[in-house]
């Protein structure tokens, strides 16, 4: 089964061994200097973008390491609920390709799996 969701599509397109991703769930809402120096992937839903946008902004403003790259995937139920979208887009422009974001709007009628 294939999903049309952007994150699922990205995972399906990735070739084995093409890229490694370290996934950590839970924990605090901070990133170490070592984590900020490498490629970063942020996945947020709704208002959950708030701490992630803060971490991303701090990593860029602190003077990013040469290998710094970041991808932010943000999903919300409606365009008006894409919190901090303008701030993220400003950061993308300033970062000139080193920070990318994808915003996804779900169907307002979707209520999860039944």
N, C-alpha and C. Protein backbone atom coordinates (compact mmCIF):
# COMPACT_ATOMS: atom_id res chain seq x y z
N UNK A 1 0.84 -1.17 0.00
CA UNK A 1 0.00 0.00 0.00
C UNK A 1 0.89 1.23 0.00
N UNK A 2 0.59 2.18 -0.84
CA UNK A 2 1.33 3.43 -0.92
C UNK A 2 0.44 4.58 -0.47
N UNK A 3 1.03 5.48 0.27
CA UNK A 3 0.31 6.64 0.76
C UNK A 3 0.63 7.85 -0.12
N UNK A 4 -0.29 8.77 -0.23
CA UNK A 4 -0.07 10.02 -0.95
C UNK A 4 0.55 11.08 -0.05
N UNK A 5 0.73 10.79 1.24
CA UNK A 5 1.29 11.75 2.18
C UNK A 5 2.74 12.07 1.80
N UNK A 6 3.15 13.35 1.83
CA UNK A 6 4.51 13.73 1.40
C UNK A 6 5.63 13.01 2.14
N UNK A 7 5.50 12.80 3.43
CA UNK A 7 6.57 12.12 4.17
C UNK A 7 6.66 10.67 3.72
N UNK A 8 5.53 10.01 3.58
CA UNK A 8 5.53 8.62 3.13
C UNK A 8 6.11 8.52 1.72
N UNK A 9 5.77 9.45 0.85
CA UNK A 9 6.32 9.45 -0.50
C UNK A 9 7.84 9.61 -0.49
N UNK A 10 8.33 10.49 0.34
CA UNK A 10 9.78 10.69 0.46
C UNK A 10 10.45 9.39 0.89
N UNK A 11 9.87 8.73 1.88
CA UNK A 11 10.44 7.47 2.36
C UNK A 11 10.40 6.39 1.28
N UNK A 12 9.33 6.34 0.50
CA UNK A 12 9.22 5.35 -0.56
C UNK A 12 10.23 5.60 -1.68
N UNK A 13 10.54 6.86 -1.95
CA UNK A 13 11.48 7.19 -3.03
C UNK A 13 12.93 6.95 -2.65
N UNK A 14 13.24 6.96 -1.37
CA UNK A 14 14.61 6.80 -0.90
C UNK A 14 15.12 5.41 -1.27
N UNK A 15 16.31 5.36 -1.80
CA UNK A 15 16.95 4.09 -2.15
C UNK A 15 17.68 3.56 -0.93
N UNK A 16 17.73 2.25 -0.82
CA UNK A 16 18.46 1.63 0.29
C UNK A 16 19.90 2.12 0.28
N UNK A 17 20.38 2.57 1.40
CA UNK A 17 21.75 3.06 1.51
C UNK A 17 21.98 4.45 0.97
N UNK A 18 20.95 5.06 0.39
CA UNK A 18 21.09 6.39 -0.20
C UNK A 18 21.38 7.45 0.87
N UNK A 19 20.67 7.38 1.95
CA UNK A 19 20.86 8.35 3.02
C UNK A 19 20.47 7.70 4.33
N UNK A 20 21.17 8.07 5.34
CA UNK A 20 20.85 7.54 6.67
C UNK A 20 20.10 8.62 7.44
N UNK A 21 19.14 8.22 8.20
CA UNK A 21 18.39 9.14 9.03
C UNK A 21 18.37 8.60 10.45
N UNK A 22 18.78 9.43 11.38
CA UNK A 22 18.70 9.05 12.79
C UNK A 22 17.39 9.59 13.32
N UNK A 23 16.58 8.72 13.85
CA UNK A 23 15.26 9.13 14.33
C UNK A 23 15.24 9.00 15.84
N UNK A 24 14.80 10.06 16.49
CA UNK A 24 14.68 10.05 17.93
C UNK A 24 13.31 10.60 18.27
N UNK A 25 12.57 9.87 19.05
CA UNK A 25 11.25 10.31 19.45
C UNK A 25 11.25 10.66 20.93
N UNK A 26 10.45 11.63 21.28
CA UNK A 26 10.37 12.03 22.68
C UNK A 26 11.56 12.86 23.09
N UNK A 27 11.78 12.95 24.39
CA UNK A 27 12.92 13.71 24.89
C UNK A 27 12.61 15.19 24.99
N UNK A 28 13.66 15.96 25.16
CA UNK A 28 13.52 17.40 25.31
C UNK A 28 13.39 18.10 23.97
N UNK A 29 13.08 19.37 24.05
CA UNK A 29 12.97 20.16 22.84
C UNK A 29 14.21 21.01 22.66
N UNK A 30 15.35 20.36 22.63
CA UNK A 30 16.61 21.05 22.39
C UNK A 30 17.44 20.21 21.43
N UNK A 31 18.41 20.83 20.81
CA UNK A 31 19.34 20.13 19.93
C UNK A 31 20.75 20.48 20.40
N UNK A 32 21.63 19.50 20.39
CA UNK A 32 23.01 19.74 20.78
C UNK A 32 23.75 20.43 19.64
N UNK A 33 24.90 20.99 19.92
CA UNK A 33 25.71 21.64 18.89
C UNK A 33 26.09 20.62 17.81
N UNK A 34 26.37 19.39 18.23
CA UNK A 34 26.72 18.33 17.27
C UNK A 34 25.54 18.04 16.34
N UNK A 35 24.33 17.97 16.90
CA UNK A 35 23.15 17.72 16.08
C UNK A 35 22.89 18.89 15.13
N UNK A 36 23.12 20.10 15.59
CA UNK A 36 22.89 21.27 14.75
C UNK A 36 23.92 21.39 13.62
N UNK A 37 25.05 20.70 13.73
CA UNK A 37 26.11 20.79 12.73
C UNK A 37 25.83 19.91 11.51
N UNK A 38 24.98 18.92 11.65
CA UNK A 38 24.75 17.99 10.55
C UNK A 38 23.40 18.20 9.92
N UNK A 39 23.02 17.35 8.99
CA UNK A 39 21.69 17.48 8.40
C UNK A 39 20.62 17.19 9.45
N UNK A 40 19.55 17.96 9.40
CA UNK A 40 18.47 17.84 10.37
C UNK A 40 17.15 17.65 9.64
N UNK A 41 16.30 16.77 10.17
CA UNK A 41 14.96 16.57 9.64
C UNK A 41 13.97 16.85 10.77
N UNK A 42 13.02 17.73 10.48
CA UNK A 42 11.99 18.08 11.45
C UNK A 42 10.64 17.69 10.87
N UNK A 43 9.83 17.01 11.65
CA UNK A 43 8.49 16.62 11.22
C UNK A 43 7.51 17.15 12.26
N UNK A 44 6.59 18.01 11.83
CA UNK A 44 5.67 18.65 12.77
C UNK A 44 4.24 18.54 12.29
N UNK A 45 3.34 18.44 13.23
CA UNK A 45 1.92 18.47 12.95
C UNK A 45 1.29 19.60 13.72
N UNK A 46 0.55 20.45 13.02
CA UNK A 46 -0.17 21.54 13.67
C UNK A 46 0.75 22.45 14.47
N UNK A 47 0.34 22.76 15.68
CA UNK A 47 1.08 23.68 16.54
C UNK A 47 2.38 23.06 17.04
N UNK A 48 2.57 21.76 16.80
CA UNK A 48 3.81 21.09 17.18
C UNK A 48 5.03 21.66 16.49
N UNK A 49 4.82 22.55 15.54
CA UNK A 49 5.94 23.19 14.86
C UNK A 49 6.67 24.19 15.77
N UNK A 50 6.02 24.66 16.81
CA UNK A 50 6.57 25.74 17.63
C UNK A 50 7.97 25.44 18.15
N UNK A 51 8.20 24.34 18.88
CA UNK A 51 9.57 24.10 19.36
C UNK A 51 10.54 23.78 18.22
N UNK A 52 10.05 23.14 17.17
CA UNK A 52 10.93 22.79 16.06
C UNK A 52 11.39 24.04 15.30
N UNK A 53 10.49 24.98 15.10
CA UNK A 53 10.86 26.24 14.43
C UNK A 53 11.87 27.00 15.28
N UNK A 54 11.73 26.93 16.58
CA UNK A 54 12.68 27.59 17.47
C UNK A 54 14.06 26.96 17.36
N UNK A 55 14.12 25.64 17.37
CA UNK A 55 15.40 24.93 17.24
C UNK A 55 16.03 25.26 15.89
N UNK A 56 15.25 25.22 14.84
CA UNK A 56 15.76 25.50 13.50
C UNK A 56 16.28 26.93 13.40
N UNK A 57 15.50 27.87 13.91
CA UNK A 57 15.93 29.27 13.88
C UNK A 57 17.21 29.49 14.67
N UNK A 58 17.31 28.87 15.83
CA UNK A 58 18.52 29.00 16.65
C UNK A 58 19.73 28.41 15.93
N UNK A 59 19.56 27.24 15.33
CA UNK A 59 20.67 26.60 14.62
C UNK A 59 21.18 27.49 13.50
N UNK A 60 20.29 28.20 12.83
CA UNK A 60 20.73 29.07 11.73
C UNK A 60 21.34 30.36 12.27
N UNK A 61 20.68 30.98 13.23
CA UNK A 61 21.16 32.26 13.76
C UNK A 61 22.49 32.14 14.50
N UNK A 62 22.76 30.97 15.07
CA UNK A 62 24.00 30.76 15.82
C UNK A 62 25.22 30.66 14.90
N UNK A 63 25.00 30.69 13.60
CA UNK A 63 26.10 30.55 12.66
C UNK A 63 26.26 29.08 12.31
N UNK A 64 25.53 28.63 11.30
CA UNK A 64 25.50 27.21 10.99
C UNK A 64 26.86 26.66 10.55
N UNK A 65 27.10 25.42 10.91
CA UNK A 65 28.32 24.73 10.49
C UNK A 65 28.28 24.52 8.98
N UNK A 66 29.44 24.28 8.36
CA UNK A 66 29.47 24.09 6.90
C UNK A 66 28.53 22.99 6.40
N UNK A 67 28.34 21.91 7.17
CA UNK A 67 27.49 20.80 6.74
C UNK A 67 26.04 20.97 7.09
N UNK A 68 25.68 22.11 7.65
CA UNK A 68 24.30 22.31 8.10
C UNK A 68 23.33 22.32 6.93
N UNK A 69 22.32 21.45 7.03
CA UNK A 69 21.19 21.43 6.11
C UNK A 69 19.99 21.01 6.94
N UNK A 70 18.82 21.52 6.60
CA UNK A 70 17.63 21.16 7.35
C UNK A 70 16.43 21.06 6.43
N UNK A 71 15.57 20.10 6.74
CA UNK A 71 14.31 19.93 6.04
C UNK A 71 13.22 19.89 7.09
N UNK A 72 12.22 20.75 6.93
CA UNK A 72 11.09 20.82 7.84
C UNK A 72 9.84 20.37 7.10
N UNK A 73 9.20 19.32 7.58
CA UNK A 73 7.93 18.84 7.03
C UNK A 73 6.84 19.20 8.02
N UNK A 74 5.84 19.94 7.56
CA UNK A 74 4.80 20.45 8.46
C UNK A 74 3.44 20.17 7.85
N UNK A 75 2.59 19.53 8.62
CA UNK A 75 1.24 19.20 8.16
C UNK A 75 0.22 19.81 9.12
N UNK A 76 -0.86 20.31 8.54
CA UNK A 76 -1.96 20.87 9.34
C UNK A 76 -3.26 20.58 8.61
N UNK A 77 -4.37 20.73 9.31
CA UNK A 77 -5.67 20.39 8.74
C UNK A 77 -6.18 21.47 7.77
N UNK A 78 -5.70 22.70 7.90
CA UNK A 78 -6.14 23.80 7.04
C UNK A 78 -4.98 24.78 6.86
N UNK A 79 -4.94 25.50 5.74
CA UNK A 79 -3.85 26.46 5.52
C UNK A 79 -3.69 27.46 6.67
N UNK A 80 -4.79 27.90 7.25
CA UNK A 80 -4.73 28.87 8.34
C UNK A 80 -4.06 28.29 9.59
N UNK A 81 -3.95 26.96 9.66
CA UNK A 81 -3.34 26.32 10.82
C UNK A 81 -1.86 26.00 10.62
N UNK A 82 -1.29 26.45 9.52
CA UNK A 82 0.15 26.27 9.30
C UNK A 82 0.89 27.37 10.08
N UNK A 83 0.94 27.20 11.38
CA UNK A 83 1.54 28.20 12.27
C UNK A 83 2.99 28.47 11.88
N UNK A 84 3.39 29.71 12.01
CA UNK A 84 4.76 30.16 11.78
C UNK A 84 5.23 29.99 10.34
N UNK A 85 4.32 29.79 9.40
CA UNK A 85 4.69 29.55 8.01
C UNK A 85 5.51 30.71 7.44
N UNK A 86 5.08 31.93 7.67
CA UNK A 86 5.81 33.09 7.13
C UNK A 86 7.22 33.16 7.70
N UNK A 87 7.39 32.86 8.99
CA UNK A 87 8.72 32.86 9.61
C UNK A 87 9.61 31.81 8.98
N UNK A 88 9.07 30.63 8.76
CA UNK A 88 9.85 29.55 8.15
C UNK A 88 10.25 29.92 6.72
N UNK A 89 9.34 30.52 5.97
CA UNK A 89 9.65 30.92 4.60
C UNK A 89 10.73 32.00 4.56
N UNK A 90 10.71 32.92 5.51
CA UNK A 90 11.77 33.94 5.59
C UNK A 90 13.12 33.28 5.84
N UNK A 91 13.14 32.32 6.76
CA UNK A 91 14.38 31.61 7.05
C UNK A 91 14.86 30.86 5.81
N UNK A 92 13.97 30.24 5.08
CA UNK A 92 14.34 29.54 3.84
C UNK A 92 15.03 30.48 2.87
N UNK A 93 14.47 31.66 2.69
CA UNK A 93 15.07 32.64 1.76
C UNK A 93 16.46 33.06 2.22
N UNK A 94 16.61 33.32 3.52
CA UNK A 94 17.92 33.73 4.04
C UNK A 94 18.94 32.61 3.95
N UNK A 95 18.50 31.38 4.10
CA UNK A 95 19.42 30.24 4.13
C UNK A 95 19.84 29.78 2.74
N UNK A 96 19.24 30.31 1.72
CA UNK A 96 19.65 30.06 0.34
C UNK A 96 19.89 28.58 0.02
N UNK A 97 18.87 27.76 0.25
CA UNK A 97 18.96 26.36 -0.12
C UNK A 97 19.40 25.41 0.98
N UNK A 98 19.92 25.93 2.07
CA UNK A 98 20.38 25.06 3.16
C UNK A 98 19.25 24.70 4.12
N UNK A 99 18.14 25.42 4.03
CA UNK A 99 16.94 25.11 4.81
C UNK A 99 15.79 25.02 3.82
N UNK A 100 15.07 23.91 3.89
CA UNK A 100 13.89 23.73 3.03
C UNK A 100 12.72 23.33 3.91
N UNK A 101 11.53 23.68 3.44
CA UNK A 101 10.34 23.25 4.16
C UNK A 101 9.27 22.81 3.17
N UNK A 102 8.45 21.89 3.63
CA UNK A 102 7.31 21.41 2.86
C UNK A 102 6.10 21.52 3.77
N UNK A 103 5.08 22.23 3.31
CA UNK A 103 3.85 22.36 4.07
C UNK A 103 2.79 21.50 3.40
N UNK A 104 2.05 20.77 4.19
CA UNK A 104 1.01 19.88 3.67
C UNK A 104 -0.28 20.15 4.42
N UNK A 105 -1.37 20.28 3.68
CA UNK A 105 -2.68 20.50 4.29
C UNK A 105 -3.50 19.23 4.08
N UNK A 106 -3.96 18.63 5.18
CA UNK A 106 -4.78 17.43 5.09
C UNK A 106 -6.23 17.81 4.81
N UNK A 107 -7.00 16.85 4.48
CA UNK A 107 -8.43 17.06 4.27
C UNK A 107 -9.08 17.36 5.61
N UNK A 108 -9.84 18.42 5.69
CA UNK A 108 -10.47 18.83 6.94
C UNK A 108 -11.43 17.77 7.49
N UNK A 109 -11.90 16.88 6.62
CA UNK A 109 -12.83 15.84 7.06
C UNK A 109 -12.12 14.60 7.60
N UNK A 110 -10.84 14.48 7.40
CA UNK A 110 -10.11 13.30 7.84
C UNK A 110 -10.06 13.24 9.35
N UNK A 111 -10.38 12.12 9.93
CA UNK A 111 -10.43 11.97 11.38
C UNK A 111 -9.53 10.83 11.86
N UNK A 112 -8.58 10.42 11.06
CA UNK A 112 -7.69 9.33 11.47
C UNK A 112 -8.23 7.99 11.01
N UNK A 113 -7.52 6.96 11.35
CA UNK A 113 -7.95 5.61 10.98
C UNK A 113 -9.17 5.21 11.77
N UNK A 114 -10.04 4.49 11.13
CA UNK A 114 -11.25 3.99 11.82
C UNK A 114 -11.04 2.56 12.23
